[in-house]
Amino acid sequence: MKNEGQNTKRIRHYAPQIAVALLATVALSYTPLRSAGRLRGTAVCELSAPLSVWCMGIYNVRHIISYSLLCLAATTCFSKHTLLKAVLLTLAISVVVEMEQAFLNDGHCRVRDMLPNLFAVSLAALVWLAAHRHRRPS
């Protein structure tokens, strides 16, 4: 019985890290799996676009939801400098995904895709800050 309690505590302790590791693995393996590992002849990344196209990026709901959830999940993994580490981890994953798309035969590497990702991370940071705000006594 005692070992079962210890095992349950361990599972609860490591569950957030396992969940973030799984989310990161899914994010980082999506493009390589879709492309079946086929490389492009040369790395292709769209570096510029009209301002209107950049502004439309803010409506990329899939990026906003997925990167917000990843960032919020990552905050559960760190004990010190929680938000900073979660934001940096999420942005690093975002950059790696775009780099994968530049070299692999599936997906579109676009610098402008970083805009909704930055928005998502900012949104997650605001949610986290609001949830962890210390209230002053009246």
Foldseek 3Di string as FASTA:
>chain_A
DVVVVVVVVVCVLCVLVVVLVVLLCCLLCVQCVVLVNAWDPAFDAAEDDDPVVLVCLLVPVVLLVSLLVSLLSQLSVDDPPSNVVSLVVSLVSVVSSLRSQRTGPDDHRYPSNVVNNVVSSVVSSVVVCVVPPDDDDD
